[in-house]
Amino acid sequence: MTGSRRMAVPLYEITYLGTGPERVVRTVEVGEVAALIEHAGAHGMQILVRPCPLPPQDPDTRKEDTP
C-alpha cells in the first residue's frame, strides 16, 4: 500500500491597504489571488500581495517494511 501525499499549494498573504488603523491580512491559496486582485480593482481597493514562505515539512514518519 502506498501513502498519498498532498502537494504543497503555494500560499499568498493579501494585505488590504487603507482599511483603517489595523490592516486586514488574509492568507489564500494561489488559485484565489487573481479573483482578489480583480475584486479589489473593481471596488477601488489597494492590496499588497506577497508569497508566504512554505511551512516546514514534517519528516516522513512511515515505517518501512523490514524483511
PDB file of N, CA and C in Angstrom:
ATOM      1  N   MET A   1       0.843  -1.166   0.000  1.00  0.00           N
ATOM      2  CA  MET A   1       0.000   0.000   0.000  1.00  0.00           C
ATOM      3  C   MET A   1       0.894   1.236   0.000  1.00  0.00           C
ATOM      4  N   THR A   2       0.538   2.193  -0.816  1.00  0.00           N
ATOM      5  CA  THR A   2       1.343   3.404  -0.886  1.00  0.00           C
ATOM      6  C   THR A   2       0.620   4.532  -0.187  1.00  0.00           C
ATOM      7  N   GLY A   3       1.362   5.376   0.491  1.00  0.00           N
ATOM      8  CA  GLY A   3       0.772   6.524   1.173  1.00  0.00           C
ATOM      9  C   GLY A   3       0.569   7.654   0.182  1.00  0.00           C
ATOM     10  N   SER A   4      -0.502   8.382   0.351  1.00  0.00           N
ATOM     11  CA  SER A   4      -0.730   9.520  -0.535  1.00  0.00           C
ATOM     12  C   SER A   4      -0.220  10.778   0.155  1.00  0.00           C
ATOM     13  N   ARG A   5       0.395  11.634  -0.615  1.00  0.00           N
ATOM     14  CA  ARG A   5       0.925  12.890  -0.089  1.00  0.00           C
ATOM     15  C   ARG A   5       0.230  14.032  -0.793  1.00  0.00           C
ATOM     16  N   ARG A   6      -0.154  15.023  -0.040  1.00  0.00           N
ATOM     17  CA  ARG A   6      -0.724  16.225  -0.635  1.00  0.00           C
ATOM     18  C   ARG A   6       0.411  17.085  -1.156  1.00  0.00           C
ATOM     19  N   MET A   7       0.202  17.599  -2.341  1.00  0.00           N
ATOM     20  CA  MET A   7       1.185  18.529  -2.897  1.00  0.00           C
ATOM     21  C   MET A   7       1.028  19.855  -2.168  1.00  0.00           C
ATOM     22  N   ALA A   8       2.122  20.509  -1.897  1.00  0.00           N
ATOM     23  CA  ALA A   8       2.081  21.803  -1.228  1.00  0.00           C
ATOM     24  C   ALA A   8       1.531  22.842  -2.197  1.00  0.00           C
ATOM     25  N   VAL A   9       0.449  23.493  -1.802  1.00  0.00           N
ATOM     26  CA  VAL A   9      -0.152  24.543  -2.618  1.00  0.00           C
ATOM     27  C   VAL A   9       0.461  25.863  -2.195  1.00  0.00           C
ATOM     28  N   PRO A  10       0.977  26.637  -3.149  1.00  0.00           N
ATOM     29  CA  PRO A  10       1.562  27.932  -2.784  1.00  0.00           C
ATOM     30  C   PRO A  10       0.534  28.837  -2.102  1.00  0.00           C
ATOM     31  N   LEU A  11       0.956  29.494  -1.040  1.00  0.00           N
ATOM     32  CA  LEU A  11       0.099  30.411  -0.308  1.00  0.00           C
ATOM     33  C   LEU A  11       0.594  31.835  -0.488  1.00  0.00           C
ATOM     34  N   TYR A  12      -0.343  32.766  -0.477  1.00  0.00           N
ATOM     35  CA  TYR A  12      -0.023  34.180  -0.601  1.00  0.00           C
ATOM     36  C   TYR A  12      -0.688  34.953   0.518  1.00  0.00           C
ATOM     37  N   GLU A  13      -0.001  35.961   1.008  1.00  0.00           N
ATOM     38  CA  GLU A  13      -0.538  36.841   2.041  1.00  0.00           C
ATOM     39  C   GLU A  13      -1.085  38.080   1.344  1.00  0.00           C
ATOM     40  N   ILE A  14      -2.371  38.355   1.553  1.00  0.00           N
ATOM     41  CA  ILE A  14      -3.039  39.509   0.961  1.00  0.00           C
ATOM     42  C   ILE A  14      -3.266  40.523   2.068  1.00  0.00           C
ATOM     43  N   THR A  15      -2.736  41.728   1.901  1.00  0.00           N
ATOM     44  CA  THR A  15      -2.933  42.807   2.869  1.00  0.00           C
ATOM     45  C   THR A  15      -3.785  43.873   2.201  1.00  0.00           C
ATOM     46  N   TYR A  16      -4.920  44.171   2.819  1.00  0.00           N
ATOM     47  CA  TYR A  16      -5.798  45.231   2.317  1.00  0.00           C
ATOM     48  C   TYR A  16      -5.310  46.543   2.907  1.00  0.00           C
ATOM     49  N   LEU A  17      -4.907  47.471   2.035  1.00  0.00           N
ATOM     50  CA  LEU A  17      -4.362  48.740   2.468  1.00  0.00           C
ATOM     51  C   LEU A  17      -5.485  49.772   2.609  1.00  0.00           C
ATOM     52  N   GLY A  18      -5.333  50.677   3.567  1.00  0.00           N
ATOM     53  CA  GLY A  18      -6.306  51.748   3.746  1.00  0.00           C
ATOM     54  C   GLY A  18      -7.631  51.292   4.322  1.00  0.00           C
ATOM     55  N   THR A  19      -7.627  50.243   5.130  1.00  0.00           N
ATOM     56  CA  THR A  19      -8.882  49.726   5.690  1.00  0.00           C
ATOM     57  C   THR A  19      -9.093  50.184   7.126  1.00  0.00           C
ATOM     58  N   GLY A  20      -8.304  51.129   7.592  1.00  0.00           N
ATOM     59  CA  GLY A  20      -8.449  51.612   8.963  1.00  0.00           C
ATOM     60  C   GLY A  20      -7.128  51.539   9.693  1.00  0.00           C
ATOM     61  N   PRO A  21      -7.183  51.724  11.010  1.00  0.00           N
ATOM     62  CA  PRO A  21      -5.937  51.731  11.779  1.00  0.00           C
ATOM     63  C   PRO A  21      -5.193  50.391  11.740  1.00  0.00           C
ATOM     64  N   GLU A  22      -5.943  49.310  11.674  1.00  0.00           N
ATOM     65  CA  GLU A  22      -5.308  47.986  11.581  1.00  0.00           C
ATOM     66  C   GLU A  22      -5.571  47.425  10.196  1.00  0.00           C
ATOM     67  N   ARG A  23      -4.532  46.966   9.553  1.00  0.00           N
ATOM     68  CA  ARG A  23      -4.691  46.394   8.213  1.00  0.00           C
ATOM     69  C   ARG A  23      -5.293  44.995   8.310  1.00  0.00           C
ATOM     70  N   VAL A  24      -6.113  44.678   7.324  1.00  0.00           N
ATOM     71  CA  VAL A  24      -6.706  43.353   7.235  1.00  0.00           C
ATOM     72  C   VAL A  24      -5.775  42.484   6.400  1.00  0.00           C
ATOM     73  N   VAL A  25      -5.412  41.326   6.939  1.00  0.00           N
ATOM     74  CA  VAL A  25      -4.493  40.417   6.251  1.00  0.00           C
ATOM     75  C   VAL A  25      -5.156  39.050   6.156  1.00  0.00           C
ATOM     76  N   ARG A  26      -5.083  38.457   4.957  1.00  0.00           N
ATOM     77  CA  ARG A  26      -5.606  37.110   4.729  1.00  0.00           C
ATOM     78  C   ARG A  26      -4.534  36.267   4.070  1.00  0.00           C
ATOM     79  N   THR A  27      -4.572  34.984   4.314  1.00  0.00           N
ATOM     80  CA  THR A  27      -3.701  34.046   3.613  1.00  0.00           C
ATOM     81  C   THR A  27      -4.589  33.213   2.705  1.00  0.00           C
ATOM     82  N   VAL A  28      -4.237  33.173   1.416  1.00  0.00           N
ATOM     83  CA  VAL A  28      -5.054  32.468   0.435  1.00  0.00           C
ATOM     84  C   VAL A  28      -4.186  31.566  -0.427  1.00  0.00           C
ATOM     85  N   GLU A  29      -4.828  30.609  -1.072  1.00  0.00           N
ATOM     86  CA  GLU A  29      -4.125  29.735  -1.998  1.00  0.00           C
ATOM     87  C   GLU A  29      -3.942  30.451  -3.327  1.00  0.00           C
ATOM     88  N   VAL A  30      -3.015  29.983  -4.108  1.00  0.00           N
ATOM     89  CA  VAL A  30      -2.648  30.626  -5.363  1.00  0.00           C
ATOM     90  C   VAL A  30      -3.850  30.804  -6.297  1.00  0.00           C
ATOM     91  N   GLY A  31      -4.789  29.896  -6.282  1.00  0.00           N
ATOM     92  CA  GLY A  31      -5.945  29.970  -7.162  1.00  0.00           C
ATOM     93  C   GLY A  31      -6.890  31.120  -6.853  1.00  0.00           C
ATOM     94  N   GLU A  32      -6.789  31.693  -5.666  1.00  0.00           N
ATOM     95  CA  GLU A  32      -7.676  32.774  -5.262  1.00  0.00           C
ATOM     96  C   GLU A  32      -7.096  34.162  -5.522  1.00  0.00           C
ATOM     97  N   VAL A  33      -5.823  34.258  -5.814  1.00  0.00           N
ATOM     98  CA  VAL A  33      -5.148  35.549  -5.921  1.00  0.00           C
ATOM     99  C   VAL A  33      -5.737  36.406  -7.038  1.00  0.00           C
ATOM    100  N   ALA A  34      -5.912  35.859  -8.223  1.00  0.00           N
ATOM    101  CA  ALA A  34      -6.417  36.639  -9.356  1.00  0.00           C
ATOM    102  C   ALA A  34      -7.800  37.206  -9.059  1.00  0.00           C
ATOM    103  N   ALA A  35      -8.668  36.417  -8.449  1.00  0.00           N
ATOM    104  CA  ALA A  35     -10.014  36.885  -8.128  1.00  0.00           C
ATOM    105  C   ALA A  35      -9.976  38.022  -7.111  1.00  0.00           C
ATOM    106  N   LEU A  36      -9.084  37.936  -6.128  1.00  0.00           N
ATOM    107  CA  LEU A  36      -8.970  39.005  -5.134  1.00  0.00           C
ATOM    108  C   LEU A  36      -8.432  40.290  -5.749  1.00  0.00           C
ATOM    109  N   ILE A  37      -7.487  40.173  -6.672  1.00  0.00           N
ATOM    110  CA  ILE A  37      -6.964  41.359  -7.361  1.00  0.00           C
ATOM    111  C   ILE A  37      -8.071  42.002  -8.186  1.00  0.00           C
ATOM    112  N   GLU A  38      -8.823  41.189  -8.905  1.00  0.00           N
ATOM    113  CA  GLU A  38      -9.918  41.714  -9.719  1.00  0.00           C
ATOM    114  C   GLU A  38     -10.974  42.392  -8.850  1.00  0.00           C
ATOM    115  N   HIS A  39     -11.322  41.761  -7.748  1.00  0.00           N
ATOM    116  CA  HIS A  39     -12.326  42.327  -6.833  1.00  0.00           C
ATOM    117  C   HIS A  39     -11.838  43.653  -6.255  1.00  0.00           C
ATOM    118  N   ALA A  40     -10.600  43.703  -5.845  1.00  0.00           N
ATOM    119  CA  ALA A  40     -10.046  44.938  -5.281  1.00  0.00           C
ATOM    120  C   ALA A  40     -10.054  46.056  -6.316  1.00  0.00           C
ATOM    121  N   GLY A  41      -9.672  45.750  -7.538  1.00  0.00           N
ATOM    122  CA  GLY A  41      -9.659  46.756  -8.593  1.00  0.00           C
ATOM    123  C   GLY A  41     -11.050  47.270  -8.923  1.00  0.00           C
ATOM    124  N   ALA A  42     -12.022  46.387  -8.913  1.00  0.00           N
ATOM    125  CA  ALA A  42     -13.395  46.775  -9.224  1.00  0.00           C
ATOM    126  C   ALA A  42     -13.995  47.677  -8.154  1.00  0.00           C
ATOM    127  N   HIS A  43     -13.477  47.572  -6.927  1.00  0.00           N
ATOM    128  CA  HIS A  43     -14.013  48.358  -5.812  1.00  0.00           C
ATOM    129  C   HIS A  43     -13.072  49.479  -5.357  1.00  0.00           C
ATOM    130  N   GLY A  44     -12.039  49.757  -6.152  1.00  0.00           N
ATOM    131  CA  GLY A  44     -11.118  50.846  -5.831  1.00  0.00           C
ATOM    132  C   GLY A  44     -10.282  50.611  -4.587  1.00  0.00           C
ATOM    133  N   MET A  45     -10.041  49.352  -4.268  1.00  0.00           N
ATOM    134  CA  MET A  45      -9.245  48.999  -3.085  1.00  0.00           C
ATOM    135  C   MET A  45      -7.807  48.743  -3.514  1.00  0.00           C
ATOM    136  N   GLN A  46      -6.892  48.990  -2.588  1.00  0.00           N
ATOM    137  CA  GLN A  46      -5.491  48.656  -2.823  1.00  0.00           C
ATOM    138  C   GLN A  46      -5.136  47.460  -1.954  1.00  0.00           C
ATOM    139  N   ILE A  47      -4.418  46.522  -2.555  1.00  0.00           N
ATOM    140  CA  ILE A  47      -3.958  45.358  -1.807  1.00  0.00           C
ATOM    141  C   ILE A  47      -2.484  45.136  -2.084  1.00  0.00           C
ATOM    142  N   LEU A  48      -1.849  44.488  -1.149  1.00  0.00           N
ATOM    143  CA  LEU A  48      -0.455  44.073  -1.276  1.00  0.00           C
ATOM    144  C   LEU A  48      -0.458  42.553  -1.306  1.00  0.00           C
ATOM    145  N   VAL A  49       0.172  41.971  -2.310  1.00  0.00           N
ATOM    146  CA  VAL A  49       0.211  40.517  -2.466  1.00  0.00           C
ATOM    147  C   VAL A  49       1.657  40.068  -2.293  1.00  0.00           C
ATOM    148  N   ARG A  50       1.866  39.169  -1.327  1.00  0.00           N
ATOM    149  CA  ARG A  50       3.213  38.639  -1.081  1.00  0.00           C
ATOM    150  C   ARG A  50       3.138  37.131  -0.927  1.00  0.00           C
ATOM    151  N   PRO A  51       4.123  36.406  -1.475  1.00  0.00           N
ATOM    152  CA  PRO A  51       4.145  34.957  -1.268  1.00  0.00           C
ATOM    153  C   PRO A  51       4.483  34.642   0.188  1.00  0.00           C
ATOM    154  N   CYS A  52       3.844  33.629   0.719  1.00  0.00           N
ATOM    155  CA  CYS A  52       4.144  33.155   2.081  1.00  0.00           C
ATOM    156  C   CYS A  52       5.241  32.102   1.980  1.00  0.00           C
ATOM    157  N   PRO A  53       6.114  32.088   2.956  1.00  0.00           N
ATOM    158  CA  PRO A  53       7.120  31.019   2.951  1.00  0.00           C
ATOM    159  C   PRO A  53       6.434  29.675   3.192  1.00  0.00           C
ATOM    160  N   LEU A  54       6.989  28.653   2.591  1.00  0.00           N
ATOM    161  CA  LEU A  54       6.427  27.324   2.786  1.00  0.00           C
ATOM    162  C   LEU A  54       6.653  26.871   4.223  1.00  0.00           C
ATOM    163  N   PRO A  55       5.640  26.248   4.830  1.00  0.00           N
ATOM    164  CA  PRO A  55       5.841  25.728   6.184  1.00  0.00           C
ATOM    165  C   PRO A  55       6.837  24.578   6.141  1.00  0.00           C
ATOM    166  N   PRO A  56       7.534  24.359   7.244  1.00  0.00           N
ATOM    167  CA  PRO A  56       8.492  23.247   7.255  1.00  0.00           C
ATOM    168  C   PRO A  56       7.767  21.921   7.044  1.00  0.00           C
ATOM    169  N   GLN A  57       8.385  21.040   6.297  1.00  0.00           N
ATOM    170  CA  GLN A  57       7.804  19.731   6.032  1.00  0.00           C
ATOM    171  C   GLN A  57       8.044  18.801   7.207  1.00  0.00           C
ATOM    172  N   ASP A  58       7.020  18.044   7.563  1.00  0.00           N
ATOM    173  CA  ASP A  58       7.192  17.039   8.604  1.00  0.00           C
ATOM    174  C   ASP A  58       8.039  15.908   8.041  1.00  0.00           C
ATOM    175  N   PRO A  59       8.931  15.393   8.839  1.00  0.00           N
ATOM    176  CA  PRO A  59       9.727  14.265   8.348  1.00  0.00           C
ATOM    177  C   PRO A  59       8.814  13.070   8.099  1.00  0.00           C
ATOM    178  N   ASP A  60       9.197  12.250   7.179  1.00  0.00           N
ATOM    179  CA  ASP A  60       8.413  11.066   6.851  1.00  0.00           C
ATOM    180  C   ASP A  60       8.456  10.112   8.044  1.00  0.00           C
ATOM    181  N   THR A  61       7.312   9.879   8.641  1.00  0.00           N
ATOM    182  CA  THR A  61       7.264   9.049   9.851  1.00  0.00           C
ATOM    183  C   THR A  61       6.755   7.647   9.551  1.00  0.00           C
ATOM    184  N   ARG A  62       6.620   7.319   8.256  1.00  0.00           N
ATOM    185  CA  ARG A  62       6.183   5.967   7.903  1.00  0.00           C
ATOM    186  C   ARG A  62       7.253   4.958   8.294  1.00  0.00           C
ATOM    187  N   LYS A  63       6.811   3.803   8.719  1.00  0.00           N
ATOM    188  CA  LYS A  63       7.760   2.723   8.993  1.00  0.00           C
ATOM    189  C   LYS A  63       7.892   1.882   7.731  1.00  0.00           C
ATOM    190  N   GLU A  64       9.109   1.647   7.377  1.00  0.00           N
ATOM    191  CA  GLU A  64       9.375   0.825   6.214  1.00  0.00           C
ATOM    192  C   GLU A  64       9.205  -0.637   6.621  1.00  0.00           C
ATOM    193  N   ASP A  65       8.723  -1.421   5.658  1.00  0.00           N
ATOM    194  CA  ASP A  65       8.604  -2.865   5.920  1.00  0.00           C
ATOM    195  C   ASP A  65       9.994  -3.472   5.990  1.00  0.00           C
ATOM    196  N   THR A  66      10.215  -4.269   7.005  1.00  0.00           N
ATOM    197  CA  THR A  66      11.510  -4.937   7.130  1.00  0.00           C
ATOM    198  C   THR A  66      11.344  -6.395   6.766  1.00  0.00           C
ATOM    199  N   PRO A  67      12.303  -6.937   6.027  1.00  0.00           N
ATOM    200  CA  PRO A  67      12.189  -8.344   5.615  1.00  0.00           C
ATOM    201  C   PRO A  67      12.335  -9.319   6.753  1.00  0.00           C
TER     202      PRO A  67
END
